[in-house]
Every structure is written in C-alpha cells, then in structure tokens.
Full PDB file with SEQRES, HELIX, SHEET, SSBOND, CRYST1, ORIGX, SCALE, CONECT and MASTER records, all heavy atoms in Angstrom:
SEQRES   1 A   31  ILE SER VAL ASP GLY THR GLU GLU ILE HIS ASN ARG TYR          
SEQRES   2 A   31  ARG LYS PHE PRO SER GLY GLU ALA THR TYR LYS LYS ILE          
SEQRES   3 A   31  ALA GLU ALA CYS GLU                                          
HELIX    1 AA1 GLU A    7  TYR A   13  1                                   7    
HELIX    2 AA2 TYR A   23  CYS A   30  1                                   8    
CRYST1    1.000    1.000    1.000  90.00  90.00  90.00 P 1           1          
ORIGX1      1.000000  0.000000  0.000000        0.00000                         
ORIGX2      0.000000  1.000000  0.000000        0.00000                         
ORIGX3      0.000000  0.000000  1.000000        0.00000                         
SCALE1      1.000000  0.000000  0.000000        0.00000                         
SCALE2      0.000000  1.000000  0.000000        0.00000                         
SCALE3      0.000000  0.000000  1.000000        0.00000                         
ATOM      1  N   ILE A   1      14.014  92.466  46.052  1.00  0.00           N  
ATOM      2  CA  ILE A   1      13.969  91.675  47.351  1.00  0.00           C  
ATOM      3  C   ILE A   1      15.363  91.508  47.806  1.00  0.00           C  
ATOM      4  O   ILE A   1      16.202  90.934  47.048  1.00  0.00           O  
ATOM      5  CB  ILE A   1      13.214  90.353  47.198  1.00  0.00           C  
ATOM      6  CG1 ILE A   1      11.670  90.726  46.814  1.00  0.00           C  
ATOM      7  CG2 ILE A   1      13.136  89.580  48.484  1.00  0.00           C  
ATOM      8  CD1 ILE A   1      10.829  89.406  46.629  1.00  0.00           C  
ATOM      9  N   SER A   2      15.682  91.817  49.031  1.00  0.00           N  
ATOM     10  CA  SER A   2      17.044  91.797  49.544  1.00  0.00           C  
ATOM     11  C   SER A   2      17.270  90.251  50.065  1.00  0.00           C  
ATOM     12  O   SER A   2      16.605  89.867  51.022  1.00  0.00           O  
ATOM     13  CB  SER A   2      17.262  92.765  50.661  1.00  0.00           C  
ATOM     14  OG  SER A   2      17.220  94.035  50.117  1.00  0.00           O  
ATOM     15  N   VAL A   3      18.290  89.622  49.416  1.00  0.00           N  
ATOM     16  CA  VAL A   3      18.733  88.307  49.844  1.00  0.00           C  
ATOM     17  C   VAL A   3      20.304  88.281  49.792  1.00  0.00           C  
ATOM     18  O   VAL A   3      20.809  88.576  48.742  1.00  0.00           O  
ATOM     19  CB  VAL A   3      18.168  87.123  48.997  1.00  0.00           C  
ATOM     20  CG1 VAL A   3      18.596  85.845  49.502  1.00  0.00           C  
ATOM     21  CG2 VAL A   3      16.673  87.175  48.915  1.00  0.00           C  
ATOM     22  N   ASP A   4      20.875  87.986  50.898  1.00  0.00           N  
ATOM     23  CA  ASP A   4      22.314  88.068  50.947  1.00  0.00           C  
ATOM     24  C   ASP A   4      22.966  86.575  51.011  1.00  0.00           C  
ATOM     25  O   ASP A   4      23.530  86.211  52.097  1.00  0.00           O  
ATOM     26  CB  ASP A   4      22.815  88.978  51.971  1.00  0.00           C  
ATOM     27  CG  ASP A   4      22.589  90.425  51.772  1.00  0.00           C  
ATOM     28  OD1 ASP A   4      22.081  90.721  50.665  1.00  0.00           O  
ATOM     29  OD2 ASP A   4      22.688  91.269  52.610  1.00  0.00           O  
ATOM     30  N   GLY A   5      22.797  85.867  49.897  1.00  0.00           N  
ATOM     31  CA  GLY A   5      23.461  84.590  49.853  1.00  0.00           C  
ATOM     32  C   GLY A   5      22.612  83.378  50.222  1.00  0.00           C  
ATOM     33  O   GLY A   5      21.358  83.470  50.182  1.00  0.00           O  
ATOM     34  N   THR A   6      23.267  82.327  50.542  1.00  0.00           N  
ATOM     35  CA  THR A   6      22.445  81.126  50.839  1.00  0.00           C  
ATOM     36  C   THR A   6      21.852  81.255  52.195  1.00  0.00           C  
ATOM     37  O   THR A   6      22.081  82.253  52.902  1.00  0.00           O  
ATOM     38  CB  THR A   6      23.542  79.891  51.091  1.00  0.00           C  
ATOM     39  OG1 THR A   6      24.529  80.162  52.062  1.00  0.00           O  
ATOM     40  CG2 THR A   6      24.194  79.545  49.721  1.00  0.00           C  
ATOM     41  N   GLU A   7      20.966  80.358  52.580  1.00  0.00           N  
ATOM     42  CA  GLU A   7      20.189  80.512  53.741  1.00  0.00           C  
ATOM     43  C   GLU A   7      21.082  80.670  55.009  1.00  0.00           C  
ATOM     44  O   GLU A   7      20.962  81.603  55.898  1.00  0.00           O  
ATOM     45  CB  GLU A   7      19.294  79.296  54.029  1.00  0.00           C  
ATOM     46  CG  GLU A   7      18.410  79.416  55.264  1.00  0.00           C  
ATOM     47  CD  GLU A   7      17.393  78.323  55.393  1.00  0.00           C  
ATOM     48  OE1 GLU A   7      17.307  77.344  54.460  1.00  0.00           O  
ATOM     49  OE2 GLU A   7      16.685  78.248  56.365  1.00  0.00           O  
ATOM     50  N   GLU A   8      22.191  79.889  55.061  1.00  0.00           N  
ATOM     51  CA  GLU A   8      23.091  79.966  56.207  1.00  0.00           C  
ATOM     52  C   GLU A   8      23.784  81.340  56.267  1.00  0.00           C  
ATOM     53  O   GLU A   8      23.987  81.941  57.358  1.00  0.00           O  
ATOM     54  CB  GLU A   8      24.114  78.888  56.040  1.00  0.00           C  
ATOM     55  CG  GLU A   8      25.143  78.815  57.250  1.00  0.00           C  
ATOM     56  CD  GLU A   8      26.183  77.812  57.009  1.00  0.00           C  
ATOM     57  OE1 GLU A   8      26.106  77.076  55.919  1.00  0.00           O  
ATOM     58  OE2 GLU A   8      27.031  77.611  57.886  1.00  0.00           O  
ATOM     59  N   ILE A   9      24.280  81.738  55.185  1.00  0.00           N  
ATOM     60  CA  ILE A   9      25.037  83.047  55.073  1.00  0.00           C  
ATOM     61  C   ILE A   9      24.108  84.211  55.432  1.00  0.00           C  
ATOM     62  O   ILE A   9      24.320  85.049  56.184  1.00  0.00           O  
ATOM     63  CB  ILE A   9      25.744  83.233  53.791  1.00  0.00           C  
ATOM     64  CG1 ILE A   9      26.866  82.156  53.670  1.00  0.00           C  
ATOM     65  CG2 ILE A   9      26.372  84.623  53.770  1.00  0.00           C  
ATOM     66  CD1 ILE A   9      27.543  82.148  52.275  1.00  0.00           C  
ATOM     67  N   HIS A  10      23.000  84.196  54.728  1.00  0.00           N  
ATOM     68  CA  HIS A  10      22.017  85.260  54.969  1.00  0.00           C  
ATOM     69  C   HIS A  10      21.603  85.462  56.406  1.00  0.00           C  
ATOM     70  O   HIS A  10      21.526  86.514  56.918  1.00  0.00           O  
ATOM     71  CB  HIS A  10      20.753  84.907  54.070  1.00  0.00           C  
ATOM     72  CG  HIS A  10      19.577  85.894  54.179  1.00  0.00           C  
ATOM     73  ND1 HIS A  10      19.336  86.980  53.371  1.00  0.00           N  
ATOM     74  CD2 HIS A  10      18.607  85.947  55.232  1.00  0.00           C  
ATOM     75  CE1 HIS A  10      18.294  87.605  53.763  1.00  0.00           C  
ATOM     76  NE2 HIS A  10      17.846  87.068  54.941  1.00  0.00           N  
ATOM     77  N   ASN A  11      21.227  84.292  57.051  1.00  0.00           N  
ATOM     78  CA  ASN A  11      20.733  84.375  58.445  1.00  0.00           C  
ATOM     79  C   ASN A  11      21.722  84.859  59.417  1.00  0.00           C  
ATOM     80  O   ASN A  11      21.456  85.260  60.530  1.00  0.00           O  
ATOM     81  CB  ASN A  11      20.287  83.046  58.858  1.00  0.00           C  
ATOM     82  CG  ASN A  11      18.807  82.809  58.224  1.00  0.00           C  
ATOM     83  OD1 ASN A  11      18.106  83.665  57.843  1.00  0.00           O  
ATOM     84  ND2 ASN A  11      18.482  81.523  58.082  1.00  0.00           N  
ATOM     85  N   ARG A  12      22.999  84.658  59.016  1.00  0.00           N  
ATOM     86  CA  ARG A  12      24.129  85.117  59.876  1.00  0.00           C  
ATOM     87  C   ARG A  12      24.146  86.556  60.149  1.00  0.00           C  
ATOM     88  O   ARG A  12      24.663  87.122  61.140  1.00  0.00           O  
ATOM     89  CB  ARG A  12      25.465  84.553  59.385  1.00  0.00           C  
ATOM     90  CG  ARG A  12      26.604  84.647  60.415  1.00  0.00           C  
ATOM     91  CD  ARG A  12      27.806  83.907  59.970  1.00  0.00           C  
ATOM     92  NE  ARG A  12      27.483  82.430  59.947  1.00  0.00           N  
ATOM     93  CZ  ARG A  12      27.797  81.743  58.859  1.00  0.00           C  
ATOM     94  NH1 ARG A  12      28.391  82.145  57.838  1.00  0.00           N  
ATOM     95  NH2 ARG A  12      27.472  80.332  58.933  1.00  0.00           N  
ATOM     96  N   TYR A  13      23.819  87.373  59.042  1.00  0.00           N  
ATOM     97  CA  TYR A  13      23.836  88.843  59.046  1.00  0.00           C  
ATOM     98  C   TYR A  13      22.594  89.502  58.950  1.00  0.00           C  
ATOM     99  O   TYR A  13      22.504  90.712  59.376  1.00  0.00           O  
ATOM    100  CB  TYR A  13      24.713  89.187  57.810  1.00  0.00           C  
ATOM    101  CG  TYR A  13      26.148  88.645  57.860  1.00  0.00           C  
ATOM    102  CD1 TYR A  13      26.417  87.442  57.309  1.00  0.00           C  
ATOM    103  CD2 TYR A  13      27.155  89.312  58.463  1.00  0.00           C  
ATOM    104  CE1 TYR A  13      27.789  86.942  57.238  1.00  0.00           C  
ATOM    105  CE2 TYR A  13      28.496  88.922  58.545  1.00  0.00           C  
ATOM    106  CZ  TYR A  13      28.735  87.650  57.936  1.00  0.00           C  
ATOM    107  OH  TYR A  13      30.046  87.151  58.001  1.00  0.00           O  
ATOM    108  N   ARG A  14      21.607  88.880  58.491  1.00  0.00           N  
ATOM    109  CA  ARG A  14      20.234  89.610  58.239  1.00  0.00           C  
ATOM    110  C   ARG A  14      19.237  89.002  59.177  1.00  0.00           C  
ATOM    111  O   ARG A  14      18.647  87.909  58.839  1.00  0.00           O  
ATOM    112  CB  ARG A  14      19.797  89.590  56.801  1.00  0.00           C  
ATOM    113  CG  ARG A  14      20.826  90.368  55.960  1.00  0.00           C  
ATOM    114  CD  ARG A  14      20.270  90.302  54.465  1.00  0.00           C  
ATOM    115  NE  ARG A  14      19.066  90.909  54.212  1.00  0.00           N  
ATOM    116  CZ  ARG A  14      18.862  92.261  54.107  1.00  0.00           C  
ATOM    117  NH1 ARG A  14      19.891  93.038  54.148  1.00  0.00           N  
ATOM    118  NH2 ARG A  14      17.659  92.770  53.882  1.00  0.00           N  
ATOM    119  N   LYS A  15      18.996  89.535  60.389  1.00  0.00           N  
ATOM    120  CA  LYS A  15      18.190  88.993  61.340  1.00  0.00           C  
ATOM    121  C   LYS A  15      17.063  89.928  61.815  1.00  0.00           C  
ATOM    122  O   LYS A  15      17.149  91.095  61.579  1.00  0.00           O  
ATOM    123  CB  LYS A  15      19.018  88.568  62.626  1.00  0.00           C  
ATOM    124  CG  LYS A  15      20.124  87.693  62.264  1.00  0.00           C  
ATOM    125  CD  LYS A  15      21.054  87.390  63.569  1.00  0.00           C  
ATOM    126  CE  LYS A  15      21.937  88.660  63.831  1.00  0.00           C  
ATOM    127  NZ  LYS A  15      23.026  88.785  63.009  1.00  0.00           N  
ATOM    128  N   PHE A  16      16.029  89.475  62.510  1.00  0.00           N  
ATOM    129  CA  PHE A  16      15.070  90.202  63.168  1.00  0.00           C  
ATOM    130  C   PHE A  16      15.785  90.733  64.387  1.00  0.00           C  
ATOM    131  O   PHE A  16      16.750  90.138  64.906  1.00  0.00           O  
ATOM    132  CB  PHE A  16      13.798  89.397  63.555  1.00  0.00           C  
ATOM    133  CG  PHE A  16      12.887  89.088  62.358  1.00  0.00           C  
ATOM    134  CD1 PHE A  16      12.658  87.740  62.063  1.00  0.00           C  
ATOM    135  CD2 PHE A  16      12.287  90.079  61.638  1.00  0.00           C  
ATOM    136  CE1 PHE A  16      11.964  87.436  60.889  1.00  0.00           C  
ATOM    137  CE2 PHE A  16      11.462  89.838  60.593  1.00  0.00           C  
ATOM    138  CZ  PHE A  16      11.275  88.403  60.196  1.00  0.00           C  
ATOM    139  N   PRO A  17      15.296  91.841  65.039  1.00  0.00           N  
ATOM    140  CA  PRO A  17      15.896  92.301  66.336  1.00  0.00           C  
ATOM    141  C   PRO A  17      15.975  91.291  67.405  1.00  0.00           C  
ATOM    142  O   PRO A  17      16.971  91.348  68.200  1.00  0.00           O  
ATOM    143  CB  PRO A  17      14.951  93.414  66.633  1.00  0.00           C  
ATOM    144  CG  PRO A  17      14.370  93.911  65.443  1.00  0.00           C  
ATOM    145  CD  PRO A  17      14.235  92.712  64.555  1.00  0.00           C  
ATOM    146  N   SER A  18      15.144  90.288  67.382  1.00  0.00           N  
ATOM    147  CA  SER A  18      15.164  89.206  68.359  1.00  0.00           C  
ATOM    148  C   SER A  18      16.252  88.278  68.129  1.00  0.00           C  
ATOM    149  O   SER A  18      16.640  87.444  68.997  1.00  0.00           O  
ATOM    150  CB  SER A  18      13.771  88.496  68.371  1.00  0.00           C  
ATOM    151  OG  SER A  18      13.680  87.821  67.150  1.00  0.00           O  
ATOM    152  N   GLY A  19      16.949  88.254  66.998  1.00  0.00           N  
ATOM    153  CA  GLY A  19      17.998  87.378  66.613  1.00  0.00           C  
ATOM    154  C   GLY A  19      17.406  86.275  65.750  1.00  0.00           C  
ATOM    155  O   GLY A  19      18.144  85.411  65.328  1.00  0.00           O  
ATOM    156  N   GLU A  20      16.140  86.184  65.479  1.00  0.00           N  
ATOM    157  CA  GLU A  20      15.396  85.163  64.784  1.00  0.00           C  
ATOM    158  C   GLU A  20      15.873  85.355  63.319  1.00  0.00           C  
ATOM    159  O   GLU A  20      16.021  86.379  62.773  1.00  0.00           O  
ATOM    160  CB  GLU A  20      13.952  85.262  64.894  1.00  0.00           C  
ATOM    161  CG  GLU A  20      13.155  84.198  64.127  1.00  0.00           C  
ATOM    162  CD  GLU A  20      11.579  84.543  64.222  1.00  0.00           C  
ATOM    163  OE1 GLU A  20      11.221  85.459  64.882  1.00  0.00           O  
ATOM    164  OE2 GLU A  20      10.867  83.773  63.463  1.00  0.00           O  
ATOM    165  N   ALA A  21      15.956  84.168  62.698  1.00  0.00           N  
ATOM    166  CA  ALA A  21      16.335  84.159  61.255  1.00  0.00           C  
ATOM    167  C   ALA A  21      15.254  84.700  60.326  1.00  0.00           C  
ATOM    168  O   ALA A  21      14.145  84.598  60.660  1.00  0.00           O  
ATOM    169  CB  ALA A  21      16.666  82.671  60.808  1.00  0.00           C  
ATOM    170  N   THR A  22      15.591  85.185  59.193  1.00  0.00           N  
ATOM    171  CA  THR A  22      14.658  85.822  58.263  1.00  0.00           C  
ATOM    172  C   THR A  22      14.535  85.075  56.941  1.00  0.00           C  
ATOM    173  O   THR A  22      13.551  85.428  56.206  1.00  0.00           O  
ATOM    174  CB  THR A  22      15.120  87.266  58.006  1.00  0.00           C  
ATOM    175  OG1 THR A  22      16.375  87.367  57.382  1.00  0.00           O  
ATOM    176  CG2 THR A  22      15.147  88.116  59.256  1.00  0.00           C  
ATOM    177  N   TYR A  23      15.484  84.256  56.618  1.00  0.00           N  
ATOM    178  CA  TYR A  23      15.540  83.722  55.305  1.00  0.00           C  
ATOM    179  C   TYR A  23      14.237  82.996  54.699  1.00  0.00           C  
ATOM    180  O   TYR A  23      13.748  83.241  53.678  1.00  0.00           O  
ATOM    181  CB  TYR A  23      16.670  82.726  55.169  1.00  0.00           C  
ATOM    182  CG  TYR A  23      16.968  82.237  53.729  1.00  0.00           C  
ATOM    183  CD1 TYR A  23      17.831  82.986  52.867  1.00  0.00           C  
ATOM    184  CD2 TYR A  23      16.371  81.122  53.217  1.00  0.00           C  
ATOM    185  CE1 TYR A  23      18.045  82.527  51.488  1.00  0.00           C  
ATOM    186  CE2 TYR A  23      16.572  80.662  51.890  1.00  0.00           C  
ATOM    187  CZ  TYR A  23      17.391  81.329  51.102  1.00  0.00           C  
ATOM    188  OH  TYR A  23      17.668  80.973  49.806  1.00  0.00           O  
ATOM    189  N   LYS A  24      13.688  82.173  55.539  1.00  0.00           N  
ATOM    190  CA  LYS A  24      12.478  81.442  55.205  1.00  0.00           C  
ATOM    191  C   LYS A  24      11.416  82.417  54.888  1.00  0.00           C  
ATOM    192  O   LYS A  24      10.603  82.178  53.867  1.00  0.00           O  
ATOM    193  CB  LYS A  24      12.072  80.490  56.203  1.00  0.00           C  
ATOM    194  CG  LYS A  24      12.943  79.172  56.239  1.00  0.00           C  
ATOM    195  CD  LYS A  24      12.372  78.139  57.298  1.00  0.00           C  
ATOM    196  CE  LYS A  24      12.984  76.830  57.031  1.00  0.00           C  
ATOM    197  NZ  LYS A  24      14.438  76.786  57.126  1.00  0.00           N  
ATOM    198  N   LYS A  25      11.152  83.417  55.557  1.00  0.00           N  
ATOM    199  CA  LYS A  25      10.182  84.406  55.299  1.00  0.00           C  
ATOM    200  C   LYS A  25      10.305  85.148  53.916  1.00  0.00           C  
ATOM    201  O   LYS A  25       9.465  85.331  53.191  1.00  0.00           O  
ATOM    202  CB  LYS A  25      10.040  85.482  56.368  1.00  0.00           C  
ATOM    203  CG  LYS A  25       9.639  85.054  57.697  1.00  0.00           C  
ATOM    204  CD  LYS A  25       8.051  85.098  57.887  1.00  0.00           C  
ATOM    205  CE  LYS A  25       7.501  86.469  57.805  1.00  0.00           C  
ATOM    206  NZ  LYS A  25       6.078  86.501  57.904  1.00  0.00           N  
ATOM    207  N   ILE A  26      11.609  85.393  53.644  1.00  0.00           N  
ATOM    208  CA  ILE A  26      11.921  86.029  52.386  1.00  0.00           C  
ATOM    209  C   ILE A  26      11.821  85.125  51.254  1.00  0.00           C  
ATOM    210  O   ILE A  26      11.263  85.417  50.161  1.00  0.00           O  
ATOM    211  CB  ILE A  26      13.369  86.685  52.447  1.00  0.00           C  
ATOM    212  CG1 ILE A  26      13.387  87.663  53.504  1.00  0.00           C  
ATOM    213  CG2 ILE A  26      13.782  87.236  51.119  1.00  0.00           C  
ATOM    214  CD1 ILE A  26      14.847  88.063  54.008  1.00  0.00           C  
ATOM    215  N   ALA A  27      12.247  83.789  51.396  1.00  0.00           N  
ATOM    216  CA  ALA A  27      12.029  82.797  50.349  1.00  0.00           C  
ATOM    217  C   ALA A  27      10.505  82.688  50.041  1.00  0.00           C  
ATOM    218  O   ALA A  27      10.175  82.451  48.837  1.00  0.00           O  
ATOM    219  CB  ALA A  27      12.694  81.462  50.717  1.00  0.00           C  
ATOM    220  N   GLU A  28       9.736  82.640  51.118  1.00  0.00           N  
ATOM    221  CA  GLU A  28       8.234  82.491  50.852  1.00  0.00           C  
ATOM    222  C   GLU A  28       7.645  83.660  50.090  1.00  0.00           C  
ATOM    223  O   GLU A  28       6.787  83.525  49.340  1.00  0.00           O  
ATOM    224  CB  GLU A  28       7.558  82.430  52.248  1.00  0.00           C  
ATOM    225  CG  GLU A  28       7.766  81.158  52.858  1.00  0.00           C  
ATOM    226  CD  GLU A  28       7.304  81.174  54.419  1.00  0.00           C  
ATOM    227  OE1 GLU A  28       6.743  82.209  54.780  1.00  0.00           O  
ATOM    228  OE2 GLU A  28       7.458  80.138  55.137  1.00  0.00           O  
ATOM    229  N   ALA A  29       8.291  84.906  50.321  1.00  0.00           N  
ATOM    230  CA  ALA A  29       7.864  86.117  49.587  1.00  0.00           C  
ATOM    231  C   ALA A  29       8.197  85.919  48.107  1.00  0.00           C  
ATOM    232  O   ALA A  29       7.319  86.289  47.270  1.00  0.00           O  
ATOM    233  CB  ALA A  29       8.493  87.351  50.070  1.00  0.00           C  
ATOM    234  N   CYS A  30       9.270  85.450  47.807  1.00  0.00           N  
ATOM    235  CA  CYS A  30       9.705  85.229  46.404  1.00  0.00           C  
ATOM    236  C   CYS A  30       8.752  84.132  45.699  1.00  0.00           C  
ATOM    237  O   CYS A  30       8.278  84.291  44.602  1.00  0.00           O  
ATOM    238  CB  CYS A  30      11.110  84.731  46.236  1.00  0.00           C  
ATOM    239  SG  CYS A  30      12.427  85.912  46.731  1.00  0.00           S  
ATOM    240  N   GLU A  31       8.465  83.148  46.427  1.00  0.00           N  
ATOM    241  CA  GLU A  31       7.529  82.055  45.916  1.00  0.00           C  
ATOM    242  C   GLU A  31       6.100  82.711  45.681  1.00  0.00           C  
ATOM    243  O   GLU A  31       5.407  82.408  44.777  1.00  0.00           O  
ATOM    244  CB  GLU A  31       7.408  80.999  46.938  1.00  0.00           C  
ATOM    245  CG  GLU A  31       8.747  80.100  47.022  1.00  0.00           C  
ATOM    246  CD  GLU A  31       8.644  79.187  48.195  1.00  0.00           C  
ATOM    247  OE1 GLU A  31       7.588  79.073  48.874  1.00  0.00           O  
ATOM    248  OE2 GLU A  31       9.714  78.380  48.411  1.00  0.00           O  
TER     249      GLU A  31                                                      
MASTER        0    0    0    2    0    0    0    6  248    1    0    3          
END                                                                             
C-alpha cells in the first residue's frame, strides 16, 4: 500500500484528480 509520509505530507503530493486528499481513504484500507 502506497503511503508517502504523514497525512499532511502525503496529501500534498498524492491527490485525486479533483485535488481531494487521499490519506484518510488509504488509512482506512490499512485498518
């Protein structure tokens, strides 16, 4: 599962095309 740092850092670079943050969705997948 691709995670690039803390929530703040991850969301700055890894986004949906709309610009929406992705971290919470990925953290839920890990859980």
